[in-house]
Amino acid sequence: MDRLILRDGYDVPEEVARGPHSTAFSQFLRNWFGDTYALTHGELDLTFLKDLTPQELALARELVRRNLKLKQNHIIEGTSALNDIAAIPILQAMLEEESDASRQQTIAGALWKLSKDTVFIECLHRAKASGVLGYFGMLRALWLDDARSIDFLIDLLPEKDRDSAFWRALRRISFRLPFRPLLARVYIARAQANAEGFFALSLLNQLEFGRQRDMADRERWRPPSDYRKRRDDPAFREYMTAAVHKWNLETNKRTW
């Protein structure tokens, strides 16, 4: 293994940082308290955590709890990655004091994974109602891991399947017009207003057809009306719920 280098600012006792460590525990220290890029970008295979000995797992949980005060997402979500039930009271206290909506979702999501605390569902619906859910909030909605995830996304879909003829025509000719910067600002504002519907539709299509049907493949997407029409179809709900399970299983290999 390469020399272990941890970042300043983390509460890791010197004797722990110094080692020696097993390969699995070195990977834990490096990715949580050293080079965190792969972990925080969902690019790290976390199966190495299964190789921690019971003693190493207990120490890893303690280190994560010691650093929860930093309020960093990968530390918060590390509690669920390590299945640290002892962190639940700390997370609950953090959630009560937290004012940032995004971090509330992160903390509540960890509580959901640890204990199925329904405060997570409350956070999601609050964020949806206030328009601050965002793309990552929609991804977190998949953590419900059942048909509620599908209903949540369908509720966010745009009312219309396509832009009006006016907007489609304007988009086609806008590059020729002298006031392109103004049009760009109008488009951006309009896109932001409908961003949640756009991302919800993207996620539903990716769930149904696989992740290859991403935003770049928009012309082949099923429209919002199709998902609303099939919403109560038992076969559709069973298929899409299985797709949510598959998505979460694949995601949990490299994140929590």
C-alpha atoms as a PDB file:
ATOM      1  CA  MET A   1       0.000   0.000   0.000  1.00  0.00           C
ATOM      2  CA  ASP A   2       1.098   3.586  -0.631  1.00  0.00           C
ATOM      3  CA  ARG A   3       2.064   5.768   2.306  1.00  0.00           C
ATOM      4  CA  LEU A   4      -1.052   6.838   4.193  1.00  0.00           C
ATOM      5  CA  ILE A   5      -1.604  10.603   4.171  1.00  0.00           C
ATOM      6  CA  LEU A   6      -4.563  12.071   6.054  1.00  0.00           C
ATOM      7  CA  ARG A   7      -5.839  15.636   5.764  1.00  0.00           C
ATOM      8  CA  ASP A   8      -5.518  18.147   8.552  1.00  0.00           C
ATOM      9  CA  GLY A   9      -8.760  19.090  10.249  1.00  0.00           C
ATOM     10  CA  TYR A  10     -10.065  15.584  10.865  1.00  0.00           C
ATOM     11  CA  ASP A  11     -10.179  14.215  14.390  1.00  0.00           C
ATOM     12  CA  VAL A  12      -8.077  11.091  13.964  1.00  0.00           C
ATOM     13  CA  PRO A  13      -5.803  10.191  16.905  1.00  0.00           C
ATOM     14  CA  GLU A  14      -2.116  10.058  16.045  1.00  0.00           C
ATOM     15  CA  GLU A  15      -1.767   6.450  17.156  1.00  0.00           C
ATOM     16  CA  VAL A  16      -4.588   5.459  14.788  1.00  0.00           C
ATOM     17  CA  ALA A  17      -3.169   7.428  11.867  1.00  0.00           C
ATOM     18  CA  ARG A  18       0.290   5.949  12.450  1.00  0.00           C
ATOM     19  CA  GLY A  19      -0.816   2.330  12.144  1.00  0.00           C
ATOM     20  CA  PRO A  20       0.035  -0.318  11.178  1.00  0.00           C
ATOM     21  CA  HIS A  21      -3.250  -1.169   9.464  1.00  0.00           C
ATOM     22  CA  SER A  22      -4.793  -3.894   7.394  1.00  0.00           C
ATOM     23  CA  THR A  23      -5.388  -3.163   3.730  1.00  0.00           C
ATOM     24  CA  ALA A  24      -9.126  -2.670   4.320  1.00  0.00           C
ATOM     25  CA  PHE A  25      -8.681  -0.272   7.248  1.00  0.00           C
ATOM     26  CA  SER A  26      -6.041   1.701   5.339  1.00  0.00           C
ATOM     27  CA  GLN A  27      -8.545   2.099   2.505  1.00  0.00           C
ATOM     28  CA  PHE A  28     -11.145   3.328   4.971  1.00  0.00           C
ATOM     29  CA  LEU A  29      -8.810   5.923   6.493  1.00  0.00           C
ATOM     30  CA  ARG A  30      -7.532   7.111   3.128  1.00  0.00           C
ATOM     31  CA  ASN A  31     -10.954   7.519   1.535  1.00  0.00           C
ATOM     32  CA  TRP A  32     -12.747   9.081   4.508  1.00  0.00           C
ATOM     33  CA  PHE A  33      -9.959  11.245   5.914  1.00  0.00           C
ATOM     34  CA  GLY A  34      -7.376  11.542   3.158  1.00  0.00           C
ATOM     35  CA  ASP A  35      -8.139  11.581  -0.561  1.00  0.00           C
ATOM     36  CA  THR A  36     -11.946  11.757  -0.458  1.00  0.00           C
ATOM     37  CA  TYR A  37     -12.516  12.501  -4.155  1.00  0.00           C
ATOM     38  CA  ALA A  38     -13.597   9.023  -5.294  1.00  0.00           C
ATOM     39  CA  LEU A  39     -15.861   8.612  -2.257  1.00  0.00           C
ATOM     40  CA  THR A  40     -17.602  11.967  -2.571  1.00  0.00           C
ATOM     41  CA  HIS A  41     -18.074  11.557  -6.342  1.00  0.00           C
ATOM     42  CA  GLY A  42     -19.646   8.097  -6.118  1.00  0.00           C
ATOM     43  CA  GLU A  43     -16.698   6.435  -7.851  1.00  0.00           C
ATOM     44  CA  LEU A  44     -15.461   4.244  -5.002  1.00  0.00           C
ATOM     45  CA  ASP A  45     -16.278   0.559  -4.642  1.00  0.00           C
ATOM     46  CA  LEU A  46     -17.123   0.220  -0.948  1.00  0.00           C
ATOM     47  CA  THR A  47     -17.126  -3.557  -0.795  1.00  0.00           C
ATOM     48  CA  PHE A  48     -13.769  -3.385   1.006  1.00  0.00           C
ATOM     49  CA  LEU A  49     -15.699  -2.351   4.144  1.00  0.00           C
ATOM     50  CA  LYS A  50     -16.876  -5.956   4.425  1.00  0.00           C
ATOM     51  CA  ASP A  51     -13.240  -6.963   4.987  1.00  0.00           C
ATOM     52  CA  LEU A  52     -12.906  -4.908   8.176  1.00  0.00           C
ATOM     53  CA  THR A  53     -12.459  -7.034  11.288  1.00  0.00           C
ATOM     54  CA  PRO A  54     -14.983  -6.498  14.116  1.00  0.00           C
ATOM     55  CA  GLN A  55     -12.365  -4.447  15.975  1.00  0.00           C
ATOM     56  CA  GLU A  56     -11.596  -2.342  12.886  1.00  0.00           C
ATOM     57  CA  LEU A  57     -15.305  -1.813  12.196  1.00  0.00           C
ATOM     58  CA  ALA A  58     -15.844  -0.572  15.763  1.00  0.00           C
ATOM     59  CA  LEU A  59     -12.921   1.841  15.397  1.00  0.00           C
ATOM     60  CA  ALA A  60     -14.105   3.045  11.982  1.00  0.00           C
ATOM     61  CA  ARG A  61     -17.548   3.810  13.430  1.00  0.00           C
ATOM     62  CA  GLU A  62     -15.984   5.689  16.339  1.00  0.00           C
ATOM     63  CA  LEU A  63     -13.870   7.808  13.987  1.00  0.00           C
ATOM     64  CA  VAL A  64     -16.881   8.729  11.874  1.00  0.00           C
ATOM     65  CA  ARG A  65     -18.864   9.699  14.975  1.00  0.00           C
ATOM     66  CA  ARG A  66     -15.963  11.841  16.218  1.00  0.00           C
ATOM     67  CA  ASN A  67     -16.016  13.778  12.962  1.00  0.00           C
ATOM     68  CA  LEU A  68     -19.757  14.294  12.573  1.00  0.00           C
ATOM     69  CA  LYS A  69     -19.236  17.754  14.075  1.00  0.00           C
ATOM     70  CA  LEU A  70     -17.649  18.781  10.741  1.00  0.00           C
ATOM     71  CA  LYS A  71     -21.024  18.307   9.000  1.00  0.00           C
ATOM     72  CA  GLN A  72     -19.400  16.910   5.862  1.00  0.00           C
ATOM     73  CA  ASN A  73     -21.730  14.799   3.729  1.00  0.00           C
ATOM     74  CA  HIS A  74     -19.383  11.852   3.316  1.00  0.00           C
ATOM     75  CA  ILE A  75     -18.901  11.719   7.090  1.00  0.00           C
ATOM     76  CA  ILE A  76     -22.648  11.892   7.771  1.00  0.00           C
ATOM     77  CA  GLU A  77     -23.384   9.223   5.196  1.00  0.00           C
ATOM     78  CA  GLY A  78     -20.490   7.151   6.501  1.00  0.00           C
ATOM     79  CA  THR A  79     -22.663   6.289   9.495  1.00  0.00           C
ATOM     80  CA  SER A  80     -25.019   4.357   7.256  1.00  0.00           C
ATOM     81  CA  ALA A  81     -22.208   2.877   5.169  1.00  0.00           C
ATOM     82  CA  LEU A  82     -20.845   1.395   8.409  1.00  0.00           C
ATOM     83  CA  ASN A  83     -24.335   0.614   9.787  1.00  0.00           C
ATOM     84  CA  ASP A  84     -23.509   2.506  12.983  1.00  0.00           C
ATOM     85  CA  ILE A  85     -26.676   2.317  15.071  1.00  0.00           C
ATOM     86  CA  ALA A  86     -24.909   4.156  17.901  1.00  0.00           C
ATOM     87  CA  ALA A  87     -24.753   7.265  15.687  1.00  0.00           C
ATOM     88  CA  ILE A  88     -28.554   7.603  15.543  1.00  0.00           C
ATOM     89  CA  PRO A  89     -28.933   9.897  18.603  1.00  0.00           C
ATOM     90  CA  ILE A  90     -26.132  12.139  17.329  1.00  0.00           C
ATOM     91  CA  LEU A  91     -27.745  12.394  13.897  1.00  0.00           C
ATOM     92  CA  GLN A  92     -31.133  13.146  15.424  1.00  0.00           C
ATOM     93  CA  ALA A  93     -29.629  15.995  17.459  1.00  0.00           C
ATOM     94  CA  MET A  94     -27.824  17.313  14.372  1.00  0.00           C
ATOM     95  CA  LEU A  95     -31.045  17.276  12.379  1.00  0.00           C
ATOM     96  CA  GLU A  96     -32.895  19.296  15.005  1.00  0.00           C
ATOM     97  CA  GLU A  97     -30.232  22.011  14.852  1.00  0.00           C
ATOM     98  CA  GLU A  98     -29.686  22.020  11.067  1.00  0.00           C
ATOM     99  CA  SER A  99     -31.219  24.820   8.984  1.00  0.00           C
ATOM    100  CA  ASP A 100     -29.788  23.952   5.560  1.00  0.00           C
ATOM    101  CA  ALA A 101     -32.399  22.003   3.558  1.00  0.00           C
ATOM    102  CA  SER A 102     -29.874  19.952   1.595  1.00  0.00           C
ATOM    103  CA  ARG A 103     -27.979  18.874   4.699  1.00  0.00           C
ATOM    104  CA  GLN A 104     -31.275  18.079   6.416  1.00  0.00           C
ATOM    105  CA  GLN A 105     -31.955  15.604   3.601  1.00  0.00           C
ATOM    106  CA  THR A 106     -28.477  14.097   4.008  1.00  0.00           C
ATOM    107  CA  ILE A 107     -28.853  13.613   7.759  1.00  0.00           C
ATOM    108  CA  ALA A 108     -32.419  12.342   7.448  1.00  0.00           C
ATOM    109  CA  GLY A 109     -31.310   9.985   4.671  1.00  0.00           C
ATOM    110  CA  ALA A 110     -28.679   8.459   6.950  1.00  0.00           C
ATOM    111  CA  LEU A 111     -31.340   8.012   9.637  1.00  0.00           C
ATOM    112  CA  TRP A 112     -33.617   6.331   7.090  1.00  0.00           C
ATOM    113  CA  LYS A 113     -30.921   3.864   6.095  1.00  0.00           C
ATOM    114  CA  LEU A 114     -30.061   3.128   9.712  1.00  0.00           C
ATOM    115  CA  SER A 115     -33.524   2.893  11.239  1.00  0.00           C
ATOM    116  CA  LYS A 116     -36.177   3.690   8.597  1.00  0.00           C
ATOM    117  CA  ASP A 117     -36.879   6.968  10.430  1.00  0.00           C
ATOM    118  CA  THR A 118     -39.816   8.558   8.592  1.00  0.00           C
ATOM    119  CA  VAL A 119     -38.378  12.014   9.196  1.00  0.00           C
ATOM    120  CA  PHE A 120     -36.604  11.356   5.891  1.00  0.00           C
ATOM    121  CA  ILE A 121     -39.928  11.166   4.037  1.00  0.00           C
ATOM    122  CA  GLU A 122     -41.024  14.378   5.756  1.00  0.00           C
ATOM    123  CA  CYS A 123     -37.814  16.106   4.615  1.00  0.00           C
ATOM    124  CA  LEU A 124     -38.336  14.999   1.025  1.00  0.00           C
ATOM    125  CA  HIS A 125     -41.905  16.261   0.899  1.00  0.00           C
ATOM    126  CA  ARG A 126     -40.943  19.553   2.559  1.00  0.00           C
ATOM    127  CA  ALA A 127     -38.219  20.084  -0.019  1.00  0.00           C
ATOM    128  CA  LYS A 128     -40.591  19.197  -2.857  1.00  0.00           C
ATOM    129  CA  ALA A 129     -43.252  21.604  -1.609  1.00  0.00           C
ATOM    130  CA  SER A 130     -40.760  24.456  -1.244  1.00  0.00           C
ATOM    131  CA  GLY A 131     -39.083  23.871  -4.622  1.00  0.00           C
ATOM    132  CA  VAL A 132     -35.638  23.132  -3.182  1.00  0.00           C
ATOM    133  CA  LEU A 133     -35.560  19.377  -3.789  1.00  0.00           C
ATOM    134  CA  GLY A 134     -33.011  19.437  -6.604  1.00  0.00           C
ATOM    135  CA  TYR A 135     -31.571  16.557  -8.613  1.00  0.00           C
ATOM    136  CA  PHE A 136     -29.774  15.005  -5.655  1.00  0.00           C
ATOM    137  CA  GLY A 137     -32.971  15.154  -3.632  1.00  0.00           C
ATOM    138  CA  MET A 138     -34.650  13.086  -6.338  1.00  0.00           C
ATOM    139  CA  LEU A 139     -31.831  10.559  -6.195  1.00  0.00           C
ATOM    140  CA  ARG A 140     -32.321  10.367  -2.437  1.00  0.00           C
ATOM    141  CA  ALA A 141     -36.019   9.665  -3.025  1.00  0.00           C
ATOM    142  CA  LEU A 142     -34.905   6.375  -4.595  1.00  0.00           C
ATOM    143  CA  TRP A 143     -33.619   5.369  -1.144  1.00  0.00           C
ATOM    144  CA  LEU A 144     -37.244   4.703  -0.176  1.00  0.00           C
ATOM    145  CA  ASP A 145     -36.617   1.588  -2.286  1.00  0.00           C
ATOM    146  CA  ASP A 146     -40.236   0.815  -3.088  1.00  0.00           C
ATOM    147  CA  ALA A 147     -43.172   2.112  -5.154  1.00  0.00           C
ATOM    148  CA  ARG A 148     -43.166   5.340  -3.149  1.00  0.00           C
ATOM    149  CA  SER A 149     -40.037   6.335  -5.080  1.00  0.00           C
ATOM    150  CA  ILE A 150     -41.958   6.046  -8.354  1.00  0.00           C
ATOM    151  CA  ASP A 151     -44.964   7.969  -7.056  1.00  0.00           C
ATOM    152  CA  PHE A 152     -42.670  10.702  -5.770  1.00  0.00           C
ATOM    153  CA  LEU A 153     -41.056  11.156  -9.207  1.00  0.00           C
ATOM    154  CA  ILE A 154     -44.359  11.028 -11.102  1.00  0.00           C
ATOM    155  CA  ASP A 155     -45.736  13.772  -8.856  1.00  0.00           C
ATOM    156  CA  LEU A 156     -42.885  16.001 -10.064  1.00  0.00           C
ATOM    157  CA  LEU A 157     -43.442  15.497 -13.812  1.00  0.00           C
ATOM    158  CA  PRO A 158     -44.272  18.472 -16.056  1.00  0.00           C
ATOM    159  CA  GLU A 159     -47.948  18.956 -16.842  1.00  0.00           C
ATOM    160  CA  LYS A 160     -47.311  18.970 -20.609  1.00  0.00           C
ATOM    161  CA  ASP A 161     -45.430  16.449 -22.694  1.00  0.00           C
ATOM    162  CA  ARG A 162     -43.653  19.026 -24.839  1.00  0.00           C
ATOM    163  CA  ASP A 163     -42.972  22.720 -25.080  1.00  0.00           C
ATOM    164  CA  SER A 164     -45.598  24.755 -26.875  1.00  0.00           C
ATOM    165  CA  ALA A 165     -45.243  25.313 -30.630  1.00  0.00           C
ATOM    166  CA  PHE A 166     -44.217  28.889 -29.872  1.00  0.00           C
ATOM    167  CA  TRP A 167     -41.284  27.833 -27.703  1.00  0.00           C
ATOM    168  CA  ARG A 168     -40.177  25.124 -30.148  1.00  0.00           C
ATOM    169  CA  ALA A 169     -40.208  27.573 -33.045  1.00  0.00           C
ATOM    170  CA  LEU A 170     -38.388  30.227 -31.051  1.00  0.00           C
ATOM    171  CA  ARG A 171     -35.711  27.732 -30.041  1.00  0.00           C
ATOM    172  CA  ARG A 172     -35.123  26.797 -33.703  1.00  0.00           C
ATOM    173  CA  ILE A 173     -34.609  30.376 -34.886  1.00  0.00           C
ATOM    174  CA  SER A 174     -33.067  31.935 -31.778  1.00  0.00           C
ATOM    175  CA  PHE A 175     -29.491  31.515 -33.011  1.00  0.00           C
ATOM    176  CA  ARG A 176     -30.260  33.913 -35.874  1.00  0.00           C
ATOM    177  CA  LEU A 177     -31.724  36.683 -33.746  1.00  0.00           C
ATOM    178  CA  PRO A 178     -29.758  39.718 -32.516  1.00  0.00           C
ATOM    179  CA  PHE A 179     -30.939  39.421 -28.904  1.00  0.00           C
ATOM    180  CA  ARG A 180     -29.570  35.931 -28.222  1.00  0.00           C
ATOM    181  CA  PRO A 181     -28.225  36.808 -24.718  1.00  0.00           C
ATOM    182  CA  LEU A 182     -31.710  37.895 -23.652  1.00  0.00           C
ATOM    183  CA  LEU A 183     -33.231  34.700 -25.041  1.00  0.00           C
ATOM    184  CA  ALA A 184     -30.591  32.683 -23.242  1.00  0.00           C
ATOM    185  CA  ARG A 185     -31.562  34.272 -19.939  1.00  0.00           C
ATOM    186  CA  VAL A 186     -35.236  33.556 -20.657  1.00  0.00           C
ATOM    187  CA  TYR A 187     -34.467  29.932 -21.470  1.00  0.00           C
ATOM    188  CA  ILE A 188     -32.358  29.521 -18.338  1.00  0.00           C
ATOM    189  CA  ALA A 189     -35.073  30.970 -16.116  1.00  0.00           C
ATOM    190  CA  ARG A 190     -37.664  28.746 -17.770  1.00  0.00           C
ATOM    191  CA  ALA A 191     -35.453  25.674 -17.463  1.00  0.00           C
ATOM    192  CA  GLN A 192     -34.839  26.336 -13.783  1.00  0.00           C
ATOM    193  CA  ALA A 193     -38.565  26.664 -13.164  1.00  0.00           C
ATOM    194  CA  ASN A 194     -39.117  23.233 -14.727  1.00  0.00           C
ATOM    195  CA  ALA A 195     -35.846  21.595 -13.690  1.00  0.00           C
ATOM    196  CA  GLU A 196     -37.425  19.205 -11.208  1.00  0.00           C
ATOM    197  CA  GLY A 197     -39.893  17.940 -13.805  1.00  0.00           C
ATOM    198  CA  PHE A 198     -37.083  17.482 -16.326  1.00  0.00           C
ATOM    199  CA  PHE A 199     -34.902  15.508 -13.924  1.00  0.00           C
ATOM    200  CA  ALA A 200     -37.853  13.428 -12.692  1.00  0.00           C
ATOM    201  CA  LEU A 201     -38.660  12.436 -16.277  1.00  0.00           C
ATOM    202  CA  SER A 202     -35.013  11.612 -16.905  1.00  0.00           C
ATOM    203  CA  LEU A 203     -34.831   9.379 -13.836  1.00  0.00           C
ATOM    204  CA  LEU A 204     -38.046   7.542 -14.696  1.00  0.00           C
ATOM    205  CA  ASN A 205     -36.741   6.802 -18.190  1.00  0.00           C
ATOM    206  CA  GLN A 206     -33.384   5.672 -16.824  1.00  0.00           C
ATOM    207  CA  LEU A 207     -35.119   3.384 -14.357  1.00  0.00           C
ATOM    208  CA  GLU A 208     -37.352   1.868 -17.036  1.00  0.00           C
ATOM    209  CA  PHE A 209     -34.793   1.480 -19.816  1.00  0.00           C
ATOM    210  CA  GLY A 210     -31.446   1.447 -18.030  1.00  0.00           C
ATOM    211  CA  ARG A 211     -28.971   4.202 -17.325  1.00  0.00           C
ATOM    212  CA  GLN A 212     -28.017   4.419 -20.995  1.00  0.00           C
ATOM    213  CA  ARG A 213     -31.181   6.449 -21.611  1.00  0.00           C
ATOM    214  CA  ASP A 214     -29.770   9.578 -20.046  1.00  0.00           C
ATOM    215  CA  MET A 215     -30.361  13.278 -20.654  1.00  0.00           C
ATOM    216  CA  ALA A 216     -28.494  13.181 -23.979  1.00  0.00           C
ATOM    217  CA  ASP A 217     -31.075  10.712 -25.290  1.00  0.00           C
ATOM    218  CA  ARG A 218     -34.054  12.981 -24.667  1.00  0.00           C
ATOM    219  CA  GLU A 219     -35.793  12.410 -28.028  1.00  0.00           C
ATOM    220  CA  ARG A 220     -36.462   8.771 -27.067  1.00  0.00           C
ATOM    221  CA  TRP A 221     -37.857   9.483 -23.601  1.00  0.00           C
ATOM    222  CA  ARG A 222     -41.345   8.358 -22.683  1.00  0.00           C
ATOM    223  CA  PRO A 223     -43.391  11.522 -22.059  1.00  0.00           C
ATOM    224  CA  PRO A 224     -44.910  12.549 -18.705  1.00  0.00           C
ATOM    225  CA  SER A 225     -48.426  11.553 -19.807  1.00  0.00           C
ATOM    226  CA  ASP A 226     -47.254   7.971 -20.378  1.00  0.00           C
ATOM    227  CA  TYR A 227     -46.044   7.628 -16.790  1.00  0.00           C
ATOM    228  CA  ARG A 228     -49.142   9.252 -15.371  1.00  0.00           C
ATOM    229  CA  LYS A 229     -51.347   6.912 -17.419  1.00  0.00           C
ATOM    230  CA  ARG A 230     -49.535   3.794 -16.205  1.00  0.00           C
ATOM    231  CA  ARG A 231     -49.100   4.941 -12.624  1.00  0.00           C
ATOM    232  CA  ASP A 232     -51.710   2.570 -11.143  1.00  0.00           C
ATOM    233  CA  ASP A 233     -50.944  -0.371 -13.450  1.00  0.00           C
ATOM    234  CA  PRO A 234     -49.797  -3.225 -11.147  1.00  0.00           C
ATOM    235  CA  ALA A 235     -47.397  -4.634 -13.749  1.00  0.00           C
ATOM    236  CA  PHE A 236     -45.815  -1.216 -14.286  1.00  0.00           C
ATOM    237  CA  ARG A 237     -45.443  -0.626 -10.545  1.00  0.00           C
ATOM    238  CA  GLU A 238     -43.890  -4.049 -10.023  1.00  0.00           C
ATOM    239  CA  TYR A 239     -41.416  -3.538 -12.891  1.00  0.00           C
ATOM    240  CA  MET A 240     -40.415  -0.034 -11.808  1.00  0.00           C
ATOM    241  CA  THR A 241     -40.062  -1.058  -8.161  1.00  0.00           C
ATOM    242  CA  ALA A 242     -37.697  -3.836  -9.243  1.00  0.00           C
ATOM    243  CA  ALA A 243     -35.780  -1.223 -11.248  1.00  0.00           C
ATOM    244  CA  VAL A 244     -35.449   0.940  -8.126  1.00  0.00           C
ATOM    245  CA  HIS A 245     -34.115  -2.071  -6.197  1.00  0.00           C
ATOM    246  CA  LYS A 246     -31.559  -2.726  -8.949  1.00  0.00           C
ATOM    247  CA  TRP A 247     -30.513   0.940  -9.063  1.00  0.00           C
ATOM    248  CA  ASN A 248     -29.941   1.001  -5.305  1.00  0.00           C
ATOM    249  CA  LEU A 249     -28.006  -2.267  -5.301  1.00  0.00           C
ATOM    250  CA  GLU A 250     -25.687  -0.966  -8.010  1.00  0.00           C
ATOM    251  CA  THR A 251     -25.319   2.396  -6.307  1.00  0.00           C
ATOM    252  CA  ASN A 252     -24.622   0.929  -2.876  1.00  0.00           C
ATOM    253  CA  LYS A 253     -21.485  -0.732  -4.222  1.00  0.00           C
ATOM    254  CA  ARG A 254     -19.869   2.679  -4.617  1.00  0.00           C
ATOM    255  CA  THR A 255     -21.826   4.824  -2.228  1.00  0.00           C
ATOM    256  CA  TRP A 256     -24.221   4.469   0.684  1.00  0.00           C
END
